[in-house]
Protein backbone atom coordinates (compact mmCIF):
# COMPACT_ATOMS: atom_id res chain seq x y z
CA MET A 1 -29.02 44.62 44.91
CA GLU A 2 -25.54 45.92 44.21
CA TYR A 3 -24.17 43.33 46.64
CA ARG A 4 -25.91 40.53 44.74
CA LYS A 5 -24.52 41.69 41.40
CA SER A 6 -21.06 41.94 42.91
CA PHE A 7 -21.43 38.45 44.40
CA ARG A 8 -22.53 36.97 41.08
CA ARG A 9 -19.65 38.64 39.24
CA GLY A 10 -17.19 37.38 41.84
CA TRP A 11 -18.67 33.89 41.77
CA GLY A 12 -18.62 33.83 37.98
CA ARG A 13 -14.96 34.82 37.96
CA LYS A 14 -14.18 32.08 40.47
CA VAL A 15 -15.97 29.49 38.34
CA ALA A 16 -14.10 30.67 35.25
CA VAL A 17 -10.76 30.50 37.10
CA VAL A 18 -11.53 26.99 38.35
CA ALA A 19 -12.66 25.89 34.87
CA ARG A 20 -9.49 27.29 33.27
CA ARG A 21 -7.35 25.65 35.94
CA ALA A 22 -9.07 22.26 35.46
CA GLU A 23 -8.68 22.56 31.72
CA GLU A 24 -4.96 23.27 32.08
CA ILE A 25 -4.46 20.25 34.33
CA ILE A 26 -6.49 17.82 32.24
CA ASP A 27 -5.36 19.37 28.96
CA LEU A 28 -8.30 17.76 27.20
CA ASN A 29 -8.37 18.00 23.43
CA HIS A 30 -12.06 18.07 22.57
CA THR A 31 -11.54 17.11 18.94
CA GLY A 32 -9.53 14.18 20.19
CA LEU A 33 -12.37 13.31 22.57
CA VAL A 34 -14.89 13.22 19.72
CA VAL A 35 -12.70 10.98 17.55
CA ALA A 36 -11.88 8.80 20.58
CA THR A 37 -15.61 8.31 21.12
CA ILE A 38 -16.01 7.28 17.48
CA PHE A 39 -13.15 4.79 17.79
CA PHE A 40 -14.62 3.48 21.03
CA ALA A 41 -17.98 3.02 19.32
CA TRP A 42 -16.33 1.10 16.49
CA SER A 43 -14.51 -1.17 18.94
CA VAL A 44 -17.72 -2.40 20.58
CA THR A 45 -19.42 -3.30 17.30
CA PRO A 46 -19.95 -7.05 16.65
CA SER A 47 -16.84 -9.22 16.44
CA LEU A 48 -16.28 -12.81 15.32
CA VAL A 49 -16.19 -14.31 18.81
CA PRO A 50 -17.93 -13.10 21.99
CA ARG A 51 -16.09 -10.92 24.50
CA ASP A 52 -16.61 -10.43 28.21
CA TRP A 53 -16.60 -6.95 29.72
CA LEU A 54 -12.97 -7.19 30.90
CA PHE A 55 -11.52 -8.17 27.53
CA GLN A 56 -13.69 -5.64 25.71
CA GLY A 57 -12.63 -2.92 28.14
CA LEU A 58 -8.95 -3.46 27.38
CA ILE A 59 -9.50 -3.49 23.62
CA SER A 60 -11.82 -0.46 23.65
CA GLY A 61 -9.48 1.54 25.86
CA ILE A 62 -6.61 1.07 23.41
CA ASN A 63 -8.93 1.91 20.53
CA ALA A 64 -10.11 5.11 22.23
CA ALA A 65 -6.52 6.20 22.88
CA ILE A 66 -5.67 5.71 19.20
CA GLY A 67 -8.75 7.76 18.25
CA TYR A 68 -7.73 10.50 20.66
CA GLY A 69 -4.36 10.75 18.97
CA VAL A 70 -5.96 10.93 15.53
CA GLY A 71 -8.25 13.73 16.74
CA CYS A 72 -5.32 15.70 18.11
CA VAL A 73 -3.57 15.46 14.73
CA LEU A 74 -6.73 16.58 12.92
CA GLN A 75 -7.07 19.62 15.18
CA TRP A 76 -3.44 20.53 14.68
CA LEU A 77 -3.87 20.34 10.92
CA PHE A 78 -6.98 22.52 11.13
CA ARG A 79 -5.21 25.20 13.14
CA LYS A 80 -2.12 25.03 10.97
CA TRP A 81 -3.65 25.08 7.49
CA ILE A 82 -7.35 25.92 7.57
CA ARG A 83 -7.96 28.35 10.43
CA PRO A 84 -5.56 31.05 9.08
CA ARG A 85 -7.46 31.05 5.77
CA ILE A 86 -10.98 31.54 7.13
CA ARG A 87 -12.56 34.03 9.51
CA ILE A 88 -14.37 32.51 12.48
CA ALA A 89 -15.94 34.67 15.18
CA THR A 90 -14.66 33.91 18.65
CA PRO A 91 -17.58 33.15 21.02
CA PRO A 92 -17.68 34.47 24.59
CA GLU A 93 -15.74 32.56 27.19
CA TRP A 94 -18.90 31.27 28.91
CA ALA A 95 -20.22 29.97 25.58
CA ARG A 96 -17.01 28.12 24.86
CA TYR A 97 -17.09 26.42 28.25
CA LEU A 98 -20.76 25.56 27.79
CA MET A 99 -20.06 23.96 24.40
CA LYS A 100 -17.21 21.94 25.90
CA VAL A 101 -19.43 20.67 28.71
CA VAL A 102 -22.17 19.75 26.25
CA LEU A 103 -19.59 17.97 24.07
CA VAL A 104 -18.25 15.93 26.99
CA VAL A 105 -21.76 14.96 28.11
CA ALA A 106 -22.71 14.02 24.53
CA CYS A 107 -19.63 11.79 24.19
CA VAL A 108 -20.43 10.06 27.49
CA LEU A 109 -24.03 9.45 26.40
CA VAL A 110 -22.95 8.12 23.01
CA ALA A 111 -20.46 5.76 24.66
CA ALA A 112 -23.12 4.55 27.11
CA ARG A 113 -25.60 3.97 24.30
CA MET A 114 -23.02 1.99 22.32
CA LEU A 115 -22.30 -0.17 25.38
CA VAL A 116 -25.99 -0.99 25.68
CA LEU A 117 -26.15 -1.93 22.00
CA SER A 118 -22.91 -3.89 22.32
CA ALA A 119 -24.34 -5.96 25.17
CA ASP A 120 -27.26 -6.89 22.89
CA TRP A 121 -24.88 -7.76 20.04
CA GLN A 122 -22.75 -9.88 22.35
CA ARG A 123 -25.83 -11.78 23.50
CA GLU A 124 -26.70 -12.40 19.87
CA ILE A 125 -23.21 -13.82 19.21
CA THR A 126 -23.30 -16.04 22.29
CA THR A 127 -26.71 -17.34 21.23
CA LEU A 128 -25.30 -18.29 17.84
CA MET A 129 -22.58 -20.24 19.66
CA ASP A 130 -24.83 -21.82 22.31
CA MET A 131 -23.11 -19.92 25.11
CA GLU A 132 -24.38 -17.95 28.08
CA GLY A 133 -24.71 -14.26 27.24
CA THR A 134 -23.85 -11.13 29.22
CA THR A 135 -26.19 -8.51 30.69
CA ARG A 136 -26.40 -4.81 29.94
CA ALA A 137 -25.53 -3.89 33.53
CA ALA A 138 -22.44 -6.12 33.52
CA TYR A 139 -21.27 -4.80 30.18
CA LEU A 140 -21.44 -1.18 31.33
CA ARG A 141 -18.31 -1.89 33.39
CA THR A 142 -16.49 -1.89 30.08
CA GLY A 143 -16.84 1.88 29.94
CA GLY A 144 -14.96 2.50 33.18
CA LEU A 145 -12.16 0.12 32.29
CA SER A 146 -11.87 1.59 28.81
CA PHE A 147 -11.53 5.09 30.27
CA ALA A 148 -8.76 3.93 32.60
CA VAL A 149 -6.85 2.12 29.85
CA GLY A 150 -7.26 5.02 27.41
CA ALA A 151 -6.09 7.53 30.02
CA LEU A 152 -3.03 5.40 30.74
CA VAL A 153 -2.07 5.21 27.06
CA VAL A 154 -2.52 8.98 26.66
CA ALA A 155 -0.39 9.55 29.77
CA VAL A 156 2.41 7.44 28.29
CA TYR A 157 2.23 9.48 25.08
CA ARG A 158 2.40 12.75 26.99
CA THR A 159 5.44 11.47 28.86
CA LEU A 160 7.14 10.77 25.54
CA ARG A 161 6.12 14.23 24.32
CA SER A 162 7.75 15.79 27.38
CA ALA A 163 10.86 13.76 26.64
CA VAL A 164 10.92 15.17 23.10
CA ARG A 165 10.64 18.74 24.40
CA LEU A 166 13.42 18.14 26.91
CA LEU A 167 15.59 16.67 24.18
CA ALA A 168 14.84 19.68 21.97
CA ARG A 169 15.97 22.10 24.68
CA LEU A 170 19.18 20.13 25.21
CA LEU A 171 19.88 20.09 21.48
CA SER A 172 19.29 23.81 21.24
CA ARG A 173 21.49 24.55 24.24
CA TRP A 174 24.39 22.12 23.79
CA VAL A 175 24.47 21.25 20.08
CA LYS A 176 23.31 24.70 18.94
CA VAL A 177 20.47 23.32 16.83
CA PRO A 178 18.26 26.23 15.73
CA PRO A 179 15.18 26.56 18.01
CA ALA A 180 12.87 26.16 15.03
CA LEU A 181 14.42 22.80 14.14
CA ALA A 182 15.10 21.48 17.64
CA PRO A 183 11.62 19.95 18.31
CA ALA A 184 11.54 18.11 14.97
CA THR A 185 15.14 16.94 15.45
CA GLY A 186 14.37 15.74 18.97
CA ALA A 187 11.27 13.88 17.79
CA LEU A 188 13.23 12.29 14.95
CA LEU A 189 16.04 11.16 17.27
CA LEU A 190 13.60 9.70 19.80
CA THR A 191 11.65 7.92 17.04
CA VAL A 192 14.81 6.45 15.55
CA LEU A 193 15.89 5.32 19.02
CA ILE A 194 12.56 3.63 19.74
CA VAL A 195 12.30 2.01 16.30
CA THR A 196 15.89 0.80 16.50
CA LEU A 197 15.28 -0.68 19.91
CA PHE A 198 12.08 -2.44 18.93
CA ASN A 199 13.39 -3.64 15.58
CA GLY A 200 16.70 -4.74 16.91
CA VAL A 201 17.83 -4.95 20.51
CA ALA A 202 14.38 -4.85 22.09
CA THR A 203 12.90 -7.36 19.67
CA ARG A 204 15.76 -9.80 20.10
CA ALA A 205 15.68 -9.29 23.85
CA PHE A 206 11.92 -9.79 23.99
CA PHE A 207 11.94 -13.02 22.05
CA ALA A 208 15.04 -14.22 23.89
CA VAL A 209 13.31 -13.60 27.22
CA ALA A 210 10.07 -15.12 25.91
CA ASN A 211 11.92 -18.15 24.59
CA SER A 212 13.70 -18.54 27.91
CA ALA A 213 10.48 -18.15 29.86
CA PHE A 214 8.58 -20.67 27.76
CA SER A 215 11.52 -23.07 27.82
CA VAL A 216 11.07 -23.17 31.60
CA ARG A 217 7.45 -24.09 31.01
CA ASN A 218 8.59 -26.63 28.44
CA ASP A 219 10.72 -28.36 31.09
CA LYS A 220 7.86 -28.46 33.58
CA MET A 221 6.94 -31.92 34.78
CA THR A 222 3.34 -32.69 35.74
CA GLU A 223 1.98 -35.60 37.72
CA TYR A 224 -0.63 -36.12 35.00
CA ALA A 225 2.02 -37.04 32.42
CA VAL A 226 3.74 -40.28 33.40
CA GLN A 227 6.64 -41.85 31.53
CA PRO A 228 5.32 -44.64 29.28
CA THR A 229 6.66 -48.15 29.72
CA LYS A 230 5.50 -49.63 26.42
CA PRO A 231 8.08 -49.59 23.64
CA GLU A 232 5.55 -48.20 21.14
CA ARG A 233 5.92 -44.77 22.74
CA SER A 234 8.77 -42.27 22.58
CA GLY A 235 10.12 -41.48 26.03
CA SER A 236 9.82 -45.10 27.18
CA PRO A 237 12.90 -46.97 28.48
CA ALA A 238 13.32 -48.50 25.00
CA SER A 239 13.04 -45.15 23.20
CA LEU A 240 15.86 -43.35 21.40
CA ALA A 241 14.28 -40.04 22.48
CA ARG A 242 14.70 -39.68 26.24
CA TRP A 243 11.63 -38.83 28.33
CA GLU A 244 13.06 -35.66 29.87
CA THR A 245 13.92 -34.22 26.42
CA LEU A 246 10.43 -34.37 24.95
CA GLY A 247 9.17 -31.13 26.44
CA SER A 248 5.92 -30.57 28.30
CA GLU A 249 3.63 -31.09 25.28
CA GLY A 250 5.60 -34.07 24.00
CA ARG A 251 5.50 -35.83 27.37
CA TRP A 252 1.75 -35.31 27.52
CA PHE A 253 1.27 -36.63 23.98
CA VAL A 254 3.16 -39.90 24.50
CA SER A 255 1.79 -40.59 27.99
CA HIS A 256 -1.87 -40.32 26.99
CA GLY A 257 -4.14 -41.76 24.34
CA PRO A 258 -6.25 -44.91 24.10
CA ASP A 259 -4.81 -48.34 24.80
CA PRO A 260 -5.98 -51.60 23.18
CA MET A 261 -8.52 -52.24 25.93
CA LEU A 262 -10.23 -48.84 25.47
CA ILE A 263 -10.20 -49.19 21.70
CA SER A 264 -11.72 -52.67 21.83
CA ALA A 265 -14.42 -51.48 24.23
CA ALA A 266 -15.45 -48.80 21.75
CA THR A 267 -15.17 -50.84 18.54
CA GLY A 268 -15.92 -54.37 19.71
CA ARG A 269 -12.88 -55.71 17.86
CA PRO A 270 -9.33 -56.67 18.89
CA ALA A 271 -6.90 -53.74 18.87
CA ARG A 272 -3.16 -53.03 18.85
CA GLU A 273 -1.14 -50.61 20.91
CA PRO A 274 -0.99 -47.33 18.91
CA ILE A 275 2.48 -45.96 18.14
CA ARG A 276 3.21 -42.39 19.11
CA VAL A 277 6.63 -41.01 18.16
CA TYR A 278 7.67 -37.58 19.36
CA VAL A 279 10.95 -35.68 19.15
CA GLY A 280 11.57 -32.62 21.33
CA LEU A 281 13.95 -29.74 20.73
CA GLN A 282 16.47 -31.33 23.08
CA SER A 283 16.02 -34.93 21.92
CA ALA A 284 18.53 -35.02 19.07
CA GLY A 285 22.24 -34.99 19.77
CA LYS A 286 24.93 -32.93 18.09
CA ASP A 287 25.44 -35.46 15.31
CA THR A 288 21.74 -36.25 14.75
CA THR A 289 18.93 -34.15 13.33
CA GLU A 290 15.39 -34.23 14.69
CA GLU A 291 14.04 -35.79 11.51
CA ASP A 292 16.71 -38.52 11.50
CA LEU A 293 15.92 -39.33 15.11
CA ALA A 294 12.19 -39.41 14.31
CA VAL A 295 12.74 -41.88 11.43
CA ALA A 296 14.93 -44.04 13.67
CA GLU A 297 12.13 -44.06 16.26
CA LEU A 298 9.62 -45.03 13.60
CA GLU A 299 11.87 -47.92 12.57
CA ARG A 300 12.40 -49.00 16.18
CA THR A 301 8.67 -49.11 16.91
CA GLY A 302 7.75 -50.87 13.65
CA ALA A 303 5.70 -47.89 12.48
CA PHE A 304 6.27 -48.65 8.78
CA ASP A 305 4.52 -51.99 9.26
CA ARG A 306 1.30 -50.42 10.52
CA LYS A 307 -1.73 -49.77 8.33
CA VAL A 308 -1.63 -45.99 8.79
CA LEU A 309 1.27 -43.57 9.30
CA VAL A 310 0.56 -39.90 10.08
CA VAL A 311 3.07 -37.06 9.91
CA ALA A 312 1.62 -34.44 12.27
CA THR A 313 3.08 -30.93 12.34
CA THR A 314 2.78 -29.33 15.77
CA THR A 315 1.92 -25.80 16.85
CA GLY A 316 4.51 -23.43 18.31
CA THR A 317 4.91 -25.09 21.70
CA GLY A 318 4.96 -28.57 20.21
CA TRP A 319 1.28 -29.28 20.91
CA VAL A 320 -0.49 -32.07 19.08
CA ASN A 321 -4.28 -32.29 19.26
CA GLY A 322 -4.79 -35.44 21.32
CA GLU A 323 -8.41 -35.61 20.19
CA ALA A 324 -7.36 -35.83 16.53
CA ALA A 325 -4.73 -38.48 17.30
CA ALA A 326 -7.11 -40.60 19.38
CA ALA A 327 -9.87 -40.38 16.77
CA LEU A 328 -7.66 -42.01 14.13
CA GLU A 329 -6.34 -44.60 16.59
CA TYR A 330 -9.85 -45.69 17.56
CA MET A 331 -10.95 -45.76 13.94
CA TRP A 332 -8.11 -48.05 12.82
CA GLY A 333 -8.10 -50.28 15.89
CA GLY A 334 -4.76 -48.95 17.08
CA ASP A 335 -2.96 -50.16 13.94
CA THR A 336 -1.52 -46.67 13.51
CA ALA A 337 1.65 -44.65 13.98
CA ILE A 338 1.80 -40.89 14.51
CA VAL A 339 5.06 -38.91 14.39
CA ALA A 340 5.49 -35.30 15.49
CA SER A 341 8.33 -32.99 16.48
CA GLN A 342 8.77 -29.74 18.36
CA TYR A 343 10.30 -26.73 16.61
CA SER A 344 9.86 -23.93 19.17
CA TYR A 345 9.26 -23.12 22.82
CA LEU A 346 6.97 -20.21 21.92
CA PRO A 347 3.19 -20.31 21.57
CA SER A 348 1.87 -20.20 18.01
CA VAL A 349 1.09 -16.46 18.12
CA LEU A 350 4.67 -15.55 19.07
CA SER A 351 6.11 -18.15 16.70
CA PHE A 352 4.03 -16.62 13.91
CA LEU A 353 5.45 -13.17 14.70
CA ALA A 354 9.02 -14.18 15.48
CA ASP A 355 9.92 -16.76 12.88
CA ARG A 356 7.18 -17.97 10.56
CA GLN A 357 9.73 -19.82 8.44
CA LYS A 358 10.69 -22.15 11.28
CA VAL A 359 7.45 -24.12 11.13
CA ALA A 360 7.69 -24.32 7.33
CA ILE A 361 11.27 -25.63 7.45
CA ASN A 362 10.42 -28.11 10.18
CA GLY A 363 7.31 -29.35 8.36
CA ARG A 364 9.15 -29.93 5.10
CA LYS A 365 12.21 -31.59 6.66
CA MET A 366 10.16 -33.97 8.77
CA PHE A 367 7.84 -35.02 5.95
CA ASP A 368 10.68 -35.40 3.44
CA ALA A 369 12.62 -37.64 5.81
CA VAL A 370 9.63 -39.86 6.57
CA TYR A 371 8.53 -39.93 2.93
CA ALA A 372 12.00 -40.92 1.69
CA HIS A 373 12.08 -43.86 4.09
CA TRP A 374 8.47 -44.82 3.28
CA LEU A 375 9.23 -44.69 -0.44
CA ARG A 376 12.02 -47.30 -0.11
CA ARG A 377 9.55 -49.97 0.96
CA PRO A 378 7.71 -52.09 -1.64
CA PRO A 379 4.36 -50.47 -2.54
CA GLU A 380 2.39 -53.41 -1.17
CA HIS A 381 4.10 -53.06 2.23
CA ARG A 382 3.73 -49.34 2.67
CA PRO A 383 1.31 -47.98 5.28
CA LYS A 384 -1.30 -45.42 4.27
CA LEU A 385 0.60 -42.10 4.50
CA LEU A 386 -1.40 -39.17 5.87
CA VAL A 387 -0.51 -35.60 6.92
CA TYR A 388 -2.16 -33.55 9.64
CA GLY A 389 -1.78 -30.05 11.06
CA GLU A 390 -3.85 -27.69 13.13
CA SER A 391 -3.60 -23.89 13.21
CA LEU A 392 0.04 -22.91 12.59
CA GLY A 393 0.80 -26.63 12.29
CA SER A 394 -1.32 -26.77 9.13
CA GLN A 395 0.90 -24.07 7.62
CA GLY A 396 4.00 -26.11 8.35
CA SER A 397 2.38 -29.25 7.01
CA GLU A 398 1.33 -27.50 3.79
CA SER A 399 4.88 -26.26 3.28
CA ALA A 400 6.09 -29.76 2.51
CA PHE A 401 4.34 -29.62 -0.87
CA ASP A 402 4.79 -27.46 -3.95
CA GLY A 403 1.17 -27.70 -5.04
CA LEU A 404 -1.89 -29.90 -5.33
CA ALA A 405 -0.31 -32.30 -7.82
CA ASP A 406 2.76 -32.75 -5.59
CA LEU A 407 0.53 -33.28 -2.55
CA ARG A 408 -1.66 -35.91 -4.23
CA SER A 409 1.35 -37.76 -5.64
CA LYS A 410 2.92 -38.24 -2.20
CA VAL A 411 0.16 -38.78 0.36
CA ASP A 412 -3.00 -40.84 0.78
CA GLY A 413 -4.86 -37.99 2.45
CA ALA A 414 -4.48 -34.67 4.26
CA LEU A 415 -6.49 -33.20 7.13
CA TRP A 416 -5.79 -29.56 7.99
CA VAL A 417 -7.72 -27.86 10.79
CA GLY A 418 -8.23 -24.13 11.41
CA PRO A 419 -5.71 -23.02 8.74
CA PRO A 420 -4.28 -19.48 9.06
CA ASN A 421 -5.27 -17.14 6.26
CA SER A 422 -1.65 -16.98 5.09
CA ASN A 423 -1.51 -20.70 4.21
CA ARG A 424 -0.25 -20.84 0.63
CA LEU A 425 -2.24 -23.83 -0.66
CA TRP A 426 -5.37 -22.82 1.24
CA GLN A 427 -5.24 -19.39 -0.39
CA GLN A 428 -4.93 -20.92 -3.85
CA PHE A 429 -7.93 -23.19 -3.36
CA VAL A 430 -10.13 -20.49 -1.83
CA GLN A 431 -9.24 -17.82 -4.39
CA ARG A 432 -9.93 -20.24 -7.25
CA ARG A 433 -13.18 -21.53 -5.79
CA ASP A 434 -16.12 -22.26 -8.06
CA PRO A 435 -18.18 -19.17 -9.01
CA GLY A 436 -21.16 -18.58 -6.77
CA THR A 437 -19.68 -20.29 -3.69
CA ARG A 438 -18.89 -18.35 -0.53
CA GLU A 439 -15.46 -17.82 0.93
CA VAL A 440 -16.55 -19.31 4.27
CA ASP A 441 -17.66 -22.58 2.60
CA PRO A 442 -15.95 -22.67 -0.80
CA ILE A 443 -16.22 -25.44 -3.34
CA TYR A 444 -13.06 -26.05 -5.33
CA ALA A 445 -13.28 -27.91 -8.67
CA ASP A 446 -16.69 -29.38 -7.79
CA GLY A 447 -15.24 -30.85 -4.61
CA LEU A 448 -13.61 -33.69 -6.53
CA VAL A 449 -10.37 -33.61 -4.49
CA VAL A 450 -10.34 -30.73 -1.97
CA ARG A 451 -13.21 -29.97 0.41
CA PHE A 452 -13.92 -27.43 3.15
CA ALA A 453 -16.16 -28.15 6.11
CA ALA A 454 -17.52 -26.48 9.24
CA THR A 455 -19.77 -29.45 10.05
CA ALA A 456 -19.78 -33.17 9.31
CA ALA A 457 -22.52 -32.67 6.71
CA ASP A 458 -20.32 -30.25 4.76
CA LEU A 459 -17.87 -33.07 4.02
CA ASN A 460 -20.48 -34.70 1.78
CA LYS A 461 -20.97 -31.60 -0.36
CA PRO A 462 -21.42 -30.94 -3.20
CA SER A 463 -21.74 -34.64 -4.20
CA PRO A 464 -20.68 -38.12 -3.05
CA ASP A 465 -18.03 -38.14 -5.80
CA TRP A 466 -14.85 -37.37 -3.83
CA ARG A 467 -11.79 -38.90 -5.42
CA LYS A 468 -8.80 -40.24 -3.57
CA PRO A 469 -6.43 -39.14 -2.23
CA ARG A 470 -8.69 -36.67 -0.43
CA ILE A 471 -7.75 -33.32 1.13
CA ALA A 472 -10.01 -31.77 3.77
CA TYR A 473 -9.89 -28.40 5.50
CA LEU A 474 -11.95 -27.89 8.66
CA GLN A 475 -12.77 -24.22 9.18
CA HIS A 476 -15.46 -22.34 11.08
CA PRO A 477 -16.96 -19.08 9.77
CA SER A 478 -16.24 -17.60 13.22
CA ASP A 479 -12.60 -18.69 13.48
CA PRO A 480 -10.41 -15.54 13.55
CA ILE A 481 -7.30 -17.66 12.89
CA VAL A 482 -8.73 -18.48 9.48
CA TRP A 483 -9.98 -15.02 8.54
CA TRP A 484 -7.37 -12.63 9.94
CA SER A 485 -5.28 -10.99 7.24
CA SER A 486 -3.45 -7.71 6.78
CA ASP A 487 -5.70 -7.15 3.74
CA LEU A 488 -8.49 -6.32 6.20
CA ILE A 489 -6.89 -2.91 6.71
CA PHE A 490 -7.88 -1.55 3.31
CA SER A 491 -10.19 -4.03 1.59
CA GLN A 492 -13.46 -5.71 2.45
CA PRO A 493 -13.13 -9.51 2.48
CA ASP A 494 -15.57 -11.74 0.68
CA TRP A 495 -16.62 -13.38 3.95
CA LEU A 496 -18.07 -10.03 5.05
CA SER A 497 -19.51 -8.96 1.70
CA GLU A 498 -21.19 -12.32 1.08
CA PRO A 499 -23.98 -13.75 3.28
CA ARG A 500 -22.51 -14.40 6.72
CA GLY A 501 -21.55 -17.82 8.04
CA ALA A 502 -23.98 -19.58 10.36
CA ASP A 503 -22.28 -18.48 13.60
CA VAL A 504 -21.25 -14.95 12.55
CA SER A 505 -23.42 -12.01 13.59
CA PRO A 506 -25.33 -10.48 10.65
CA GLN A 507 -24.60 -7.11 12.32
CA MET A 508 -20.86 -7.40 11.73
CA ARG A 509 -19.65 -4.89 9.13
CA TRP A 510 -16.33 -4.09 7.50
CA TRP A 511 -14.63 -0.78 8.25
CA PRO A 512 -11.13 0.21 7.10
CA PHE A 513 -8.59 -0.44 9.87
CA VAL A 514 -11.39 -1.14 12.37
CA THR A 515 -12.21 -4.66 11.24
CA PHE A 516 -8.51 -5.50 11.04
CA TRP A 517 -8.04 -4.47 14.65
CA GLN A 518 -11.25 -6.21 15.74
CA VAL A 519 -10.13 -9.53 14.28
CA VAL A 520 -6.62 -9.06 15.74
CA ALA A 521 -8.25 -8.80 19.15
CA ASP A 522 -10.34 -11.90 18.41
CA LEU A 523 -7.17 -13.93 17.77
CA THR A 524 -6.34 -13.93 21.47
CA ASN A 525 -9.82 -15.22 22.33
CA ALA A 526 -10.26 -17.70 19.47
CA GLN A 527 -10.66 -20.69 21.79
CA GLY A 528 -12.80 -18.97 24.41
CA VAL A 529 -15.95 -20.40 22.82
CA SER A 530 -17.90 -23.65 22.78
CA ASP A 531 -16.94 -26.59 20.55
CA GLY A 532 -18.02 -26.17 16.95
CA HIS A 533 -17.20 -22.45 16.85
CA GLY A 534 -14.18 -20.17 16.72
CA HIS A 535 -10.96 -22.19 16.89
CA ARG A 536 -12.58 -25.07 18.80
CA TYR A 537 -13.10 -27.99 16.41
CA GLY A 538 -13.71 -30.71 18.99
CA SER A 539 -14.79 -34.09 17.64
CA LEU A 540 -15.26 -32.74 14.10
CA VAL A 541 -11.75 -34.12 13.50
CA LEU A 542 -13.25 -37.60 13.79
CA ASP A 543 -15.58 -36.83 10.90
CA GLY A 544 -12.64 -35.40 8.97
CA TRP A 545 -10.61 -38.58 9.38
CA ALA A 546 -13.61 -40.72 8.49
CA ALA A 547 -14.08 -38.71 5.30
CA ILE A 548 -10.50 -38.95 4.03
CA ALA A 549 -9.11 -42.18 5.50
CA ALA A 550 -11.82 -44.49 6.82
CA PRO A 551 -10.84 -48.19 7.05
CA PRO A 552 -12.54 -50.64 4.66
CA ASP A 553 -14.75 -52.05 7.43
CA TRP A 554 -15.66 -48.66 8.89
CA ASP A 555 -19.06 -48.71 10.55
CA GLN A 556 -20.70 -45.32 11.03
CA ASP A 557 -22.46 -46.67 14.12
CA GLU A 558 -19.07 -46.84 15.82
CA SER A 559 -18.50 -43.11 15.35
CA GLU A 560 -20.75 -42.04 18.23
CA ARG A 561 -19.10 -44.44 20.68
CA ILE A 562 -15.69 -43.21 19.58
CA ARG A 563 -16.86 -39.60 19.74
CA THR A 564 -17.91 -40.08 23.34
CA GLN A 565 -14.52 -41.52 24.25
CA ILE A 566 -12.46 -38.77 22.67
CA GLU A 567 -14.70 -36.02 24.11
CA LEU A 568 -14.21 -37.49 27.60
CA ALA A 569 -10.44 -37.55 27.05
CA GLU A 570 -10.52 -33.93 25.82
CA ALA A 571 -12.52 -32.83 28.86
CA TYR A 572 -9.99 -34.52 31.13
CA GLU A 573 -7.08 -32.80 29.39
CA ARG A 574 -8.70 -29.38 29.70
CA ALA A 575 -9.39 -30.00 33.38
CA VAL A 576 -5.87 -30.95 34.41
CA LYS A 577 -3.60 -28.95 32.06
């Protein structure tokens, strides 16, 4: 009997030693673990667009790491300011270890339960968007990936913490900083160093490297983009803008699109060769600006003698939506001219972060140059002047105008697709919408001039009375490009306090900070959905053009034949690019 008691005591001591040793190695902050679990749970709540397990795992892991840090700060504050003021009995060592084990198990169970619920929510979102949903078993993989990502982020933080402590010791030893002040001084110096690097040298270096990297992509030639031979296209032998200077997106834009034969097959009427003018970042010489070269190209191709002239503002890389261009060309029998120019090598997201003013400056300069030349022609010989922009391009296109009156006095119509929440004119129209209308489908001034649409039917609301020139915004309730804003950090948006849009989960809720971060994550996956949702507008642009700038002999029966043609072209582009 005595041997058994001795064995149990010895075994208990061994277990305690092992437990203490494991705790020292892992250095797990249990308050941090609880808050990390809460942050993880928030991160798997419904989002605007569906997420697969891999993407969700990355996002949730970062979220959990942030929560862990918040928990550590809360515990430090408790020990520093609250614990000394209250008396709390210290439980036995075995009880403390038992509580910690129970806490860890509870956090694991909560995380697992949230993953199961999240899988159901994701299936609901995919159903709303006519997509194939995930399974509970597949989504559970998110938990393992999230743990790995969170652990990596925490490890990086602990490395920085060790660097601070080392710096504090060096300051105390060599600079004679008092030991009490050395840690704070070390942390301050390291913070200043990091902030300085990221705000200055590191930021410039990052965007310089990114610009260089994407400029390589910009120069990439593909066998699917062939130099045009017809003089109506930039990059042709007759063009003032050389083929090799147009950039990857510009070369694709001018080498594709419907020809007169395709247009006639869809409309049953004779057609002309559409004009597509494009100016790349390297197209203009030292003594010529991009806008001057673009106007010269328009003159060379006879663009001002066409029935319709469109000034299209591109996205960051210089991309123009070929589906939107083709839709207008089919509609007007090719009697059109579209002009666009590149202003950056960077994708829209990086352009938005690096230099948001660049797209605004480019949009205004290009429109002003074209408008000034258009204005010199007799009114009866001017083509219909339209403006177009998608995503960040809509922001640049908007920037050419001081307000609604200025816009309507200069153009015959405007079509803006998937506008960012920071668009100045868009904000004015949405904020001043008619009482009782939702933010996701606002009605401005009874829809007499400006309209918002997620479907073709929305363009006819609230009444047939839509005066010219018409302005149309195409926006989906589930498009994170449209709804992301820094205001999400502290305030609930109307689109989440009002009845949800048709393709937004009714389970989605607003939480301070959480919703902001959720929609930030959705930005990177905005096009990973089916057409008609998120940032995928598909052939809805055809309906937009028909609403604001249909030709006098426009036959609605033609729209389905044209829709088929542009959808086939879009599918081809997605397959080969």
